[in-house]
Amino acid sequence: MIRDVRFDGRVVESRLVVVGLVLVSAVLHAGWNAIAHAARDRAVGFALIGLASAVVGAVLVAVGAGLSSAHLGLAATSAVLHTGYLTLLLASYRHGDFSRAYPLARGTGVAVVAVASVFLPGSPLGPGVALGAGLVVLGLAGVTLAGPRLTRRDRPGLLAALATGVTIAAYTMVDGVAVAGGAEVASYAGWTFLLYGVVLPAVLVARRRRAVVRLPAREVLTGLAGGLVSVAAYGLVLLAQTSGALAAVAALRESSIAFGVLIGALLLREPAARARLAPALVVTAGAAVLALVP
């Protein structure tokens, strides 16, 4: 259901453009999540990611066009949901390994978006999208269940990851409605970045002021770099969502799962990550089906 994409006020009628935008975003998204998971102090890492997002957001707001009150309200709603998303994602990473928590969070998001998009204009859930989304969800289930048997100790992390997925679905729908409804992408993204980006740094400073002062320069630079990568990934998805194909874009974005599992196996060296590579290929197959849907 990928049709066209707006760029600088123009419409580019190219399915490949949208697919390319989302795939690049998927790589970047898996990358910044790996940076956040690998941080020695994840709360600090997430706060720095938020700070970088807020700075970029302020720049975009300053140079971008204005938003209508309706679109500004959607940006504020998205910011609230993003704050919940980051908080829950932090909790899921505290209680689980990256190659399990990340797929579960992303998979829940795409499943909810695919179903909910049936009720939105411009995003019909046809047979091709249903098949592609089904393959994505099936592959993600395999990724989640592969590896060590789940126990009660895994419950907090799993619940946090599931809740993270719900917030992903929620802000994906809000963002999709905004950009498909004519919101200027740069300004909308800027307000969203700015509004949610200041929350976690403010909380960290209020609770752990001494820890902030003593942060090593390397940790600061790594966290800020993660924030910039996060902003780039989100911005590319917003641009792709102007096509109006929310279910297809959201599910194709889940190719980040394959990249995330590879990162878990090759860079983070998680023991169970290699067992999750095969079902990750099912995710890729589902994304390919969605990309080929006319």
C-alpha atoms as a PDB file:
ATOM      1  CA  MET A   1       0.000   0.000   0.000  1.00  0.00           C
ATOM      2  CA  ILE A   2       3.013   2.308  -0.365  1.00  0.00           C
ATOM      3  CA  ARG A   3       2.119   5.014  -2.854  1.00  0.00           C
ATOM      4  CA  ASP A   4       3.884   8.355  -2.643  1.00  0.00           C
ATOM      5  CA  VAL A   5       5.837  10.601  -0.300  1.00  0.00           C
ATOM      6  CA  ARG A   6       5.941  14.369   0.180  1.00  0.00           C
ATOM      7  CA  PHE A   7       9.314  16.064   0.273  1.00  0.00           C
ATOM      8  CA  ASP A   8       9.672  19.850   0.591  1.00  0.00           C
ATOM      9  CA  GLY A   9       6.025  20.278  -0.368  1.00  0.00           C
ATOM     10  CA  ARG A  10       6.283  18.067  -3.454  1.00  0.00           C
ATOM     11  CA  VAL A  11       4.980  14.552  -3.972  1.00  0.00           C
ATOM     12  CA  VAL A  12       7.365  11.894  -5.252  1.00  0.00           C
ATOM     13  CA  GLU A  13       5.455   8.979  -6.742  1.00  0.00           C
ATOM     14  CA  SER A  14       7.987   6.278  -6.017  1.00  0.00           C
ATOM     15  CA  ARG A  15       7.519   3.188  -3.911  1.00  0.00           C
ATOM     16  CA  LEU A  16      11.292   2.723  -3.825  1.00  0.00           C
ATOM     17  CA  VAL A  17      11.787   6.131  -2.228  1.00  0.00           C
ATOM     18  CA  VAL A  18       9.499   5.232   0.658  1.00  0.00           C
ATOM     19  CA  VAL A  19      11.016   1.763   1.042  1.00  0.00           C
ATOM     20  CA  GLY A  20      14.515   3.252   1.063  1.00  0.00           C
ATOM     21  CA  LEU A  21      13.612   5.850   3.672  1.00  0.00           C
ATOM     22  CA  VAL A  22      12.130   3.252   5.991  1.00  0.00           C
ATOM     23  CA  LEU A  23      15.011   0.777   5.615  1.00  0.00           C
ATOM     24  CA  VAL A  24      17.612   3.426   6.406  1.00  0.00           C
ATOM     25  CA  SER A  25      15.503   4.435   9.376  1.00  0.00           C
ATOM     26  CA  ALA A  26      15.388   0.792  10.503  1.00  0.00           C
ATOM     27  CA  VAL A  27      19.178   0.528  10.541  1.00  0.00           C
ATOM     28  CA  LEU A  28      19.500   3.790  12.463  1.00  0.00           C
ATOM     29  CA  HIS A  29      16.773   2.795  14.902  1.00  0.00           C
ATOM     30  CA  ALA A  30      18.408  -0.522  15.769  1.00  0.00           C
ATOM     31  CA  GLY A  31      21.701   1.326  16.138  1.00  0.00           C
ATOM     32  CA  TRP A  32      20.552   3.905  18.661  1.00  0.00           C
ATOM     33  CA  ASN A  33      18.723   1.281  20.686  1.00  0.00           C
ATOM     34  CA  ALA A  34      21.911  -0.764  20.860  1.00  0.00           C
ATOM     35  CA  ILE A  35      23.795   2.335  22.022  1.00  0.00           C
ATOM     36  CA  ALA A  36      21.195   2.942  24.731  1.00  0.00           C
ATOM     37  CA  HIS A  37      21.223  -0.703  25.858  1.00  0.00           C
ATOM     38  CA  ALA A  38      25.016  -0.840  26.000  1.00  0.00           C
ATOM     39  CA  ALA A  39      25.337   2.318  28.120  1.00  0.00           C
ATOM     40  CA  ARG A  40      26.862   1.745  31.551  1.00  0.00           C
ATOM     41  CA  ASP A  41      24.175   3.901  33.109  1.00  0.00           C
ATOM     42  CA  ARG A  42      21.074   3.515  30.946  1.00  0.00           C
ATOM     43  CA  ALA A  43      19.148   6.274  32.702  1.00  0.00           C
ATOM     44  CA  VAL A  44      21.940   8.697  31.836  1.00  0.00           C
ATOM     45  CA  GLY A  45      22.100   7.329  28.303  1.00  0.00           C
ATOM     46  CA  PHE A  46      18.391   7.854  27.702  1.00  0.00           C
ATOM     47  CA  ALA A  47      18.555  11.352  29.205  1.00  0.00           C
ATOM     48  CA  LEU A  48      21.377  12.304  26.844  1.00  0.00           C
ATOM     49  CA  ILE A  49      19.425  10.919  23.903  1.00  0.00           C
ATOM     50  CA  GLY A  50      16.509  13.107  24.981  1.00  0.00           C
ATOM     51  CA  LEU A  51      18.790  16.148  25.298  1.00  0.00           C
ATOM     52  CA  ALA A  52      20.120  15.721  21.758  1.00  0.00           C
ATOM     53  CA  SER A  53      16.556  15.328  20.503  1.00  0.00           C
ATOM     54  CA  ALA A  54      15.480  18.529  22.254  1.00  0.00           C
ATOM     55  CA  VAL A  55      18.354  20.533  20.744  1.00  0.00           C
ATOM     56  CA  VAL A  56      17.596  19.300  17.221  1.00  0.00           C
ATOM     57  CA  GLY A  57      13.911  19.958  17.844  1.00  0.00           C
ATOM     58  CA  ALA A  58      14.575  23.547  18.886  1.00  0.00           C
ATOM     59  CA  VAL A  59      16.531  24.141  15.675  1.00  0.00           C
ATOM     60  CA  LEU A  60      13.781  22.656  13.516  1.00  0.00           C
ATOM     61  CA  VAL A  61      11.118  24.723  15.255  1.00  0.00           C
ATOM     62  CA  ALA A  62      13.174  27.883  14.765  1.00  0.00           C
ATOM     63  CA  VAL A  63      13.740  27.399  11.033  1.00  0.00           C
ATOM     64  CA  GLY A  64      10.571  25.528  10.080  1.00  0.00           C
ATOM     65  CA  ALA A  65       7.121  26.695   9.146  1.00  0.00           C
ATOM     66  CA  GLY A  66       4.457  27.065  11.804  1.00  0.00           C
ATOM     67  CA  LEU A  67       1.914  24.410  12.707  1.00  0.00           C
ATOM     68  CA  SER A  68      -1.824  24.729  13.005  1.00  0.00           C
ATOM     69  CA  SER A  69      -3.295  24.354  16.464  1.00  0.00           C
ATOM     70  CA  ALA A  70      -4.577  20.899  15.528  1.00  0.00           C
ATOM     71  CA  HIS A  71      -1.168  19.710  14.342  1.00  0.00           C
ATOM     72  CA  LEU A  72       0.525  21.250  17.369  1.00  0.00           C
ATOM     73  CA  GLY A  73      -1.885  19.319  19.566  1.00  0.00           C
ATOM     74  CA  LEU A  74      -0.951  16.105  17.769  1.00  0.00           C
ATOM     75  CA  ALA A  75       2.743  16.896  18.263  1.00  0.00           C
ATOM     76  CA  ALA A  76       2.146  17.392  21.988  1.00  0.00           C
ATOM     77  CA  THR A  77       0.245  14.109  22.152  1.00  0.00           C
ATOM     78  CA  SER A  78       3.058  12.349  20.346  1.00  0.00           C
ATOM     79  CA  ALA A  79       5.573  13.870  22.757  1.00  0.00           C
ATOM     80  CA  VAL A  80       3.676  12.495  25.758  1.00  0.00           C
ATOM     81  CA  LEU A  81       3.561   9.066  24.140  1.00  0.00           C
ATOM     82  CA  HIS A  82       7.267   9.243  23.281  1.00  0.00           C
ATOM     83  CA  THR A  83       8.060  10.024  26.914  1.00  0.00           C
ATOM     84  CA  GLY A  84       6.136   6.938  27.994  1.00  0.00           C
ATOM     85  CA  TYR A  85       7.838   4.926  25.264  1.00  0.00           C
ATOM     86  CA  LEU A  86      11.341   5.867  26.419  1.00  0.00           C
ATOM     87  CA  THR A  87      10.484   5.227  30.066  1.00  0.00           C
ATOM     88  CA  LEU A  88       9.066   1.781  29.323  1.00  0.00           C
ATOM     89  CA  LEU A  89      11.897   0.937  26.934  1.00  0.00           C
ATOM     90  CA  LEU A  90      14.395   1.779  29.659  1.00  0.00           C
ATOM     91  CA  ALA A  91      12.561  -0.571  32.018  1.00  0.00           C
ATOM     92  CA  SER A  92      12.515  -3.388  29.453  1.00  0.00           C
ATOM     93  CA  TYR A  93      16.276  -3.058  28.889  1.00  0.00           C
ATOM     94  CA  ARG A  94      16.930  -3.186  32.617  1.00  0.00           C
ATOM     95  CA  HIS A  95      15.193  -6.548  32.890  1.00  0.00           C
ATOM     96  CA  GLY A  96      16.071  -8.293  29.622  1.00  0.00           C
ATOM     97  CA  ASP A  97      18.661  -8.719  26.919  1.00  0.00           C
ATOM     98  CA  PHE A  98      18.592  -6.541  23.831  1.00  0.00           C
ATOM     99  CA  SER A  99      17.870  -9.262  21.262  1.00  0.00           C
ATOM    100  CA  ARG A 100      14.661 -10.255  23.085  1.00  0.00           C
ATOM    101  CA  ALA A 101      13.321  -6.983  24.491  1.00  0.00           C
ATOM    102  CA  TYR A 102      13.804  -5.016  21.284  1.00  0.00           C
ATOM    103  CA  PRO A 103      11.954  -7.481  18.997  1.00  0.00           C
ATOM    104  CA  LEU A 104       9.068  -7.876  21.418  1.00  0.00           C
ATOM    105  CA  ALA A 105       8.580  -4.121  21.738  1.00  0.00           C
ATOM    106  CA  ARG A 106       8.752  -3.527  18.007  1.00  0.00           C
ATOM    107  CA  GLY A 107       6.572  -6.518  17.172  1.00  0.00           C
ATOM    108  CA  THR A 108       3.781  -5.473  19.484  1.00  0.00           C
ATOM    109  CA  GLY A 109       3.825  -2.037  17.901  1.00  0.00           C
ATOM    110  CA  VAL A 110       3.491  -3.237  14.320  1.00  0.00           C
ATOM    111  CA  ALA A 111       0.711  -5.699  15.191  1.00  0.00           C
ATOM    112  CA  VAL A 112      -1.373  -3.014  16.882  1.00  0.00           C
ATOM    113  CA  VAL A 113      -0.763  -0.497  14.070  1.00  0.00           C
ATOM    114  CA  ALA A 114      -1.703  -3.016  11.375  1.00  0.00           C
ATOM    115  CA  VAL A 115      -5.035  -3.742  13.044  1.00  0.00           C
ATOM    116  CA  ALA A 116      -5.810  -0.157  14.027  1.00  0.00           C
ATOM    117  CA  SER A 117      -4.994   1.188  10.556  1.00  0.00           C
ATOM    118  CA  VAL A 118      -8.131  -0.517   9.225  1.00  0.00           C
ATOM    119  CA  PHE A 119     -10.118   2.306  10.822  1.00  0.00           C
ATOM    120  CA  LEU A 120      -8.044   5.142   9.342  1.00  0.00           C
ATOM    121  CA  PRO A 121      -8.626   6.697   5.903  1.00  0.00           C
ATOM    122  CA  GLY A 122      -5.961   6.020   3.297  1.00  0.00           C
ATOM    123  CA  SER A 123      -4.594   2.951   5.043  1.00  0.00           C
ATOM    124  CA  PRO A 124      -6.721  -0.068   4.096  1.00  0.00           C
ATOM    125  CA  LEU A 125      -5.580  -3.445   5.396  1.00  0.00           C
ATOM    126  CA  GLY A 126      -5.774  -5.463   2.165  1.00  0.00           C
ATOM    127  CA  PRO A 127      -4.761  -9.115   1.714  1.00  0.00           C
ATOM    128  CA  GLY A 128      -1.167  -8.260   0.840  1.00  0.00           C
ATOM    129  CA  VAL A 129      -0.690  -6.047   3.875  1.00  0.00           C
ATOM    130  CA  ALA A 130      -2.380  -8.664   6.072  1.00  0.00           C
ATOM    131  CA  LEU A 131      -0.027 -11.373   4.769  1.00  0.00           C
ATOM    132  CA  GLY A 132       3.062  -9.209   5.200  1.00  0.00           C
ATOM    133  CA  ALA A 133       2.089  -8.049   8.670  1.00  0.00           C
ATOM    134  CA  GLY A 134       1.256 -11.643   9.620  1.00  0.00           C
ATOM    135  CA  LEU A 135       4.717 -12.810   8.587  1.00  0.00           C
ATOM    136  CA  VAL A 136       6.269  -9.980  10.537  1.00  0.00           C
ATOM    137  CA  VAL A 137       4.356 -10.865  13.689  1.00  0.00           C
ATOM    138  CA  LEU A 138       5.085 -14.595  13.257  1.00  0.00           C
ATOM    139  CA  GLY A 139       8.791 -13.927  12.852  1.00  0.00           C
ATOM    140  CA  LEU A 140       8.857 -11.627  15.845  1.00  0.00           C
ATOM    141  CA  ALA A 141       7.162 -14.259  17.972  1.00  0.00           C
ATOM    142  CA  GLY A 142       9.919 -16.672  17.000  1.00  0.00           C
ATOM    143  CA  VAL A 143      12.581 -14.116  17.812  1.00  0.00           C
ATOM    144  CA  THR A 144      11.019 -13.519  21.211  1.00  0.00           C
ATOM    145  CA  LEU A 145      10.654 -17.192  22.163  1.00  0.00           C
ATOM    146  CA  ALA A 146      14.053 -18.352  20.891  1.00  0.00           C
ATOM    147  CA  GLY A 147      16.834 -18.808  23.398  1.00  0.00           C
ATOM    148  CA  PRO A 148      16.525 -19.574  27.124  1.00  0.00           C
ATOM    149  CA  ARG A 149      13.124 -20.640  28.378  1.00  0.00           C
ATOM    150  CA  LEU A 150      11.057 -17.817  29.780  1.00  0.00           C
ATOM    151  CA  THR A 151      10.706 -17.733  33.565  1.00  0.00           C
ATOM    152  CA  ARG A 152       8.994 -15.552  36.136  1.00  0.00           C
ATOM    153  CA  ARG A 153      12.116 -13.436  36.319  1.00  0.00           C
ATOM    154  CA  ASP A 154      11.547 -12.456  32.718  1.00  0.00           C
ATOM    155  CA  ARG A 155       8.003 -11.227  33.413  1.00  0.00           C
ATOM    156  CA  PRO A 156       8.829  -7.589  34.325  1.00  0.00           C
ATOM    157  CA  GLY A 157      10.950  -7.159  31.206  1.00  0.00           C
ATOM    158  CA  LEU A 158       8.379  -8.816  28.969  1.00  0.00           C
ATOM    159  CA  LEU A 159       5.524  -6.725  30.340  1.00  0.00           C
ATOM    160  CA  ALA A 160       7.576  -3.554  29.941  1.00  0.00           C
ATOM    161  CA  ALA A 161       8.433  -4.521  26.348  1.00  0.00           C
ATOM    162  CA  LEU A 162       4.782  -5.229  25.538  1.00  0.00           C
ATOM    163  CA  ALA A 163       3.745  -1.896  27.011  1.00  0.00           C
ATOM    164  CA  THR A 164       6.518  -0.242  25.009  1.00  0.00           C
ATOM    165  CA  GLY A 165       5.011  -1.748  21.868  1.00  0.00           C
ATOM    166  CA  VAL A 166       1.605  -0.275  22.680  1.00  0.00           C
ATOM    167  CA  THR A 167       3.108   3.201  23.033  1.00  0.00           C
ATOM    168  CA  ILE A 168       4.971   2.695  19.733  1.00  0.00           C
ATOM    169  CA  ALA A 169       1.679   1.873  18.049  1.00  0.00           C
ATOM    170  CA  ALA A 170       0.003   4.883  19.643  1.00  0.00           C
ATOM    171  CA  TYR A 171       2.558   7.479  18.575  1.00  0.00           C
ATOM    172  CA  THR A 172       2.875   5.865  15.141  1.00  0.00           C
ATOM    173  CA  MET A 173      -0.849   6.359  14.585  1.00  0.00           C
ATOM    174  CA  VAL A 174      -0.784   9.931  15.896  1.00  0.00           C
ATOM    175  CA  ASP A 175       2.219  10.830  13.740  1.00  0.00           C
ATOM    176  CA  GLY A 176       0.698   9.156  10.705  1.00  0.00           C
ATOM    177  CA  VAL A 177      -2.535  11.119  11.068  1.00  0.00           C
ATOM    178  CA  ALA A 178      -0.574  14.365  11.441  1.00  0.00           C
ATOM    179  CA  VAL A 179       1.770  14.059   8.449  1.00  0.00           C
ATOM    180  CA  ALA A 180      -0.804  12.413   6.181  1.00  0.00           C
ATOM    181  CA  GLY A 181      -3.131  15.272   7.134  1.00  0.00           C
ATOM    182  CA  GLY A 182      -0.749  17.915   5.839  1.00  0.00           C
ATOM    183  CA  ALA A 183       1.467  18.756   8.814  1.00  0.00           C
ATOM    184  CA  GLU A 184       4.835  20.139   7.700  1.00  0.00           C
ATOM    185  CA  VAL A 185       7.214  17.290   8.563  1.00  0.00           C
ATOM    186  CA  ALA A 186      10.201  19.303   9.818  1.00  0.00           C
ATOM    187  CA  SER A 187       8.106  21.521  12.095  1.00  0.00           C
ATOM    188  CA  TYR A 188       6.026  18.632  13.398  1.00  0.00           C
ATOM    189  CA  ALA A 189       9.132  16.579  14.154  1.00  0.00           C
ATOM    190  CA  GLY A 190      10.796  19.606  15.737  1.00  0.00           C
ATOM    191  CA  TRP A 191       7.980  20.254  18.182  1.00  0.00           C
ATOM    192  CA  THR A 192       7.784  16.558  19.045  1.00  0.00           C
ATOM    193  CA  PHE A 193      11.543  16.327  19.665  1.00  0.00           C
ATOM    194  CA  LEU A 194      11.578  19.501  21.715  1.00  0.00           C
ATOM    195  CA  LEU A 195       8.604  18.634  23.910  1.00  0.00           C
ATOM    196  CA  TYR A 196       9.614  15.099  24.825  1.00  0.00           C
ATOM    197  CA  GLY A 197      13.368  15.644  24.734  1.00  0.00           C
ATOM    198  CA  VAL A 198      13.489  17.901  27.796  1.00  0.00           C
ATOM    199  CA  VAL A 199      11.640  15.533  30.146  1.00  0.00           C
ATOM    200  CA  LEU A 200      14.212  12.813  30.890  1.00  0.00           C
ATOM    201  CA  PRO A 201      17.170  15.226  31.234  1.00  0.00           C
ATOM    202  CA  ALA A 202      15.134  17.349  33.651  1.00  0.00           C
ATOM    203  CA  VAL A 203      14.217  14.299  35.733  1.00  0.00           C
ATOM    204  CA  LEU A 204      17.828  13.104  35.768  1.00  0.00           C
ATOM    205  CA  VAL A 205      19.152  16.491  36.895  1.00  0.00           C
ATOM    206  CA  ALA A 206      16.515  16.707  39.632  1.00  0.00           C
ATOM    207  CA  ARG A 207      17.253  13.233  40.993  1.00  0.00           C
ATOM    208  CA  ARG A 208      20.948  12.745  40.315  1.00  0.00           C
ATOM    209  CA  ARG A 209      22.581  16.122  39.977  1.00  0.00           C
ATOM    210  CA  ARG A 210      25.978  14.926  41.219  1.00  0.00           C
ATOM    211  CA  ALA A 211      26.052  12.042  38.759  1.00  0.00           C
ATOM    212  CA  VAL A 212      25.393  14.449  35.900  1.00  0.00           C
ATOM    213  CA  VAL A 213      28.335  16.669  36.871  1.00  0.00           C
ATOM    214  CA  ARG A 214      30.696  13.685  37.014  1.00  0.00           C
ATOM    215  CA  LEU A 215      29.765  12.185  33.647  1.00  0.00           C
ATOM    216  CA  PRO A 216      32.822  11.096  31.600  1.00  0.00           C
ATOM    217  CA  ALA A 217      33.189  12.958  28.313  1.00  0.00           C
ATOM    218  CA  ARG A 218      33.090   9.701  26.347  1.00  0.00           C
ATOM    219  CA  GLU A 219      29.747   8.737  27.889  1.00  0.00           C
ATOM    220  CA  VAL A 220      28.305  12.167  27.123  1.00  0.00           C
ATOM    221  CA  LEU A 221      29.420  12.036  23.494  1.00  0.00           C
ATOM    222  CA  THR A 222      28.078   8.494  23.066  1.00  0.00           C
ATOM    223  CA  GLY A 223      24.687   9.435  24.490  1.00  0.00           C
ATOM    224  CA  LEU A 224      24.408  12.554  22.364  1.00  0.00           C
ATOM    225  CA  ALA A 225      25.403  10.572  19.272  1.00  0.00           C
ATOM    226  CA  GLY A 226      22.649   8.081  20.082  1.00  0.00           C
ATOM    227  CA  GLY A 227      20.207  10.968  20.276  1.00  0.00           C
ATOM    228  CA  LEU A 228      21.196  12.288  16.870  1.00  0.00           C
ATOM    229  CA  VAL A 229      20.821   8.835  15.340  1.00  0.00           C
ATOM    230  CA  SER A 230      17.409   8.512  17.008  1.00  0.00           C
ATOM    231  CA  VAL A 231      16.288  11.849  15.568  1.00  0.00           C
ATOM    232  CA  ALA A 232      17.420  10.868  12.075  1.00  0.00           C
ATOM    233  CA  ALA A 233      15.586   7.535  12.257  1.00  0.00           C
ATOM    234  CA  TYR A 234      12.354   9.137  13.451  1.00  0.00           C
ATOM    235  CA  GLY A 235      12.491  11.925  10.890  1.00  0.00           C
ATOM    236  CA  LEU A 236      12.879   9.495   7.994  1.00  0.00           C
ATOM    237  CA  VAL A 237       9.864   7.503   9.157  1.00  0.00           C
ATOM    238  CA  LEU A 238       7.768  10.663   9.441  1.00  0.00           C
ATOM    239  CA  LEU A 239       8.697  11.517   5.876  1.00  0.00           C
ATOM    240  CA  ALA A 240       7.734   8.042   4.703  1.00  0.00           C
ATOM    241  CA  GLN A 241       4.424   8.242   6.562  1.00  0.00           C
ATOM    242  CA  THR A 242       3.303  11.117   4.354  1.00  0.00           C
ATOM    243  CA  SER A 243       2.485   8.367   1.841  1.00  0.00           C
ATOM    244  CA  GLY A 244      -0.491   7.515   4.075  1.00  0.00           C
ATOM    245  CA  ALA A 245       0.327   3.777   4.122  1.00  0.00           C
ATOM    246  CA  LEU A 246       0.645   3.498   7.882  1.00  0.00           C
ATOM    247  CA  ALA A 247       0.425  -0.301   8.200  1.00  0.00           C
ATOM    248  CA  ALA A 248       2.931  -0.910   5.402  1.00  0.00           C
ATOM    249  CA  VAL A 249       5.403   1.710   6.637  1.00  0.00           C
ATOM    250  CA  ALA A 250       5.133   0.547  10.242  1.00  0.00           C
ATOM    251  CA  ALA A 251       5.643  -3.108   9.351  1.00  0.00           C
ATOM    252  CA  LEU A 252       8.456  -2.440   6.869  1.00  0.00           C
ATOM    253  CA  ARG A 253      10.181  -0.453   9.578  1.00  0.00           C
ATOM    254  CA  GLU A 254      10.281  -3.658  11.586  1.00  0.00           C
ATOM    255  CA  SER A 255      13.134  -4.866   9.419  1.00  0.00           C
ATOM    256  CA  SER A 256      15.036  -3.089  12.189  1.00  0.00           C
ATOM    257  CA  ILE A 257      14.407  -6.300  14.130  1.00  0.00           C
ATOM    258  CA  ALA A 258      16.758  -8.219  11.858  1.00  0.00           C
ATOM    259  CA  PHE A 259      19.393  -5.524  12.222  1.00  0.00           C
ATOM    260  CA  GLY A 260      18.848  -5.457  15.984  1.00  0.00           C
ATOM    261  CA  VAL A 261      19.296  -9.215  16.339  1.00  0.00           C
ATOM    262  CA  LEU A 262      22.465  -9.032  14.237  1.00  0.00           C
ATOM    263  CA  ILE A 263      23.780  -6.289  16.499  1.00  0.00           C
ATOM    264  CA  GLY A 264      22.932  -8.420  19.527  1.00  0.00           C
ATOM    265  CA  ALA A 265      24.817 -11.373  18.065  1.00  0.00           C
ATOM    266  CA  LEU A 266      27.844  -9.677  16.522  1.00  0.00           C
ATOM    267  CA  LEU A 267      28.455  -6.587  18.636  1.00  0.00           C
ATOM    268  CA  LEU A 268      26.790  -7.166  22.010  1.00  0.00           C
ATOM    269  CA  ARG A 269      27.642 -10.890  21.828  1.00  0.00           C
ATOM    270  CA  GLU A 270      24.461 -12.052  23.553  1.00  0.00           C
ATOM    271  CA  PRO A 271      24.468 -15.884  23.758  1.00  0.00           C
ATOM    272  CA  ALA A 272      20.858 -16.324  22.614  1.00  0.00           C
ATOM    273  CA  ALA A 273      20.984 -13.794  19.777  1.00  0.00           C
ATOM    274  CA  ARG A 274      22.217 -16.273  17.155  1.00  0.00           C
ATOM    275  CA  ALA A 275      19.210 -18.516  17.820  1.00  0.00           C
ATOM    276  CA  ARG A 276      17.002 -15.530  16.945  1.00  0.00           C
ATOM    277  CA  LEU A 277      18.547 -14.896  13.536  1.00  0.00           C
ATOM    278  CA  ALA A 278      16.406 -17.444  11.643  1.00  0.00           C
ATOM    279  CA  PRO A 279      13.026 -16.083  12.786  1.00  0.00           C
ATOM    280  CA  ALA A 280      14.382 -12.588  12.100  1.00  0.00           C
ATOM    281  CA  LEU A 281      14.541 -13.605   8.427  1.00  0.00           C
ATOM    282  CA  VAL A 282      10.784 -14.226   8.559  1.00  0.00           C
ATOM    283  CA  VAL A 283      10.432 -10.598   9.637  1.00  0.00           C
ATOM    284  CA  THR A 284      12.450  -9.568   6.597  1.00  0.00           C
ATOM    285  CA  ALA A 285      10.217 -11.693   4.361  1.00  0.00           C
ATOM    286  CA  GLY A 286       7.122 -10.005   5.756  1.00  0.00           C
ATOM    287  CA  ALA A 287       8.678  -6.590   5.152  1.00  0.00           C
ATOM    288  CA  ALA A 288       9.416  -7.592   1.540  1.00  0.00           C
ATOM    289  CA  VAL A 289       5.798  -8.641   0.988  1.00  0.00           C
ATOM    290  CA  LEU A 290       4.610  -5.292   2.304  1.00  0.00           C
ATOM    291  CA  ALA A 291       7.037  -3.432   0.061  1.00  0.00           C
ATOM    292  CA  LEU A 292       5.711  -5.243  -3.022  1.00  0.00           C
ATOM    293  CA  VAL A 293       2.029  -4.667  -2.296  1.00  0.00           C
ATOM    294  CA  PRO A 294       0.691  -2.433  -5.126  1.00  0.00           C
END
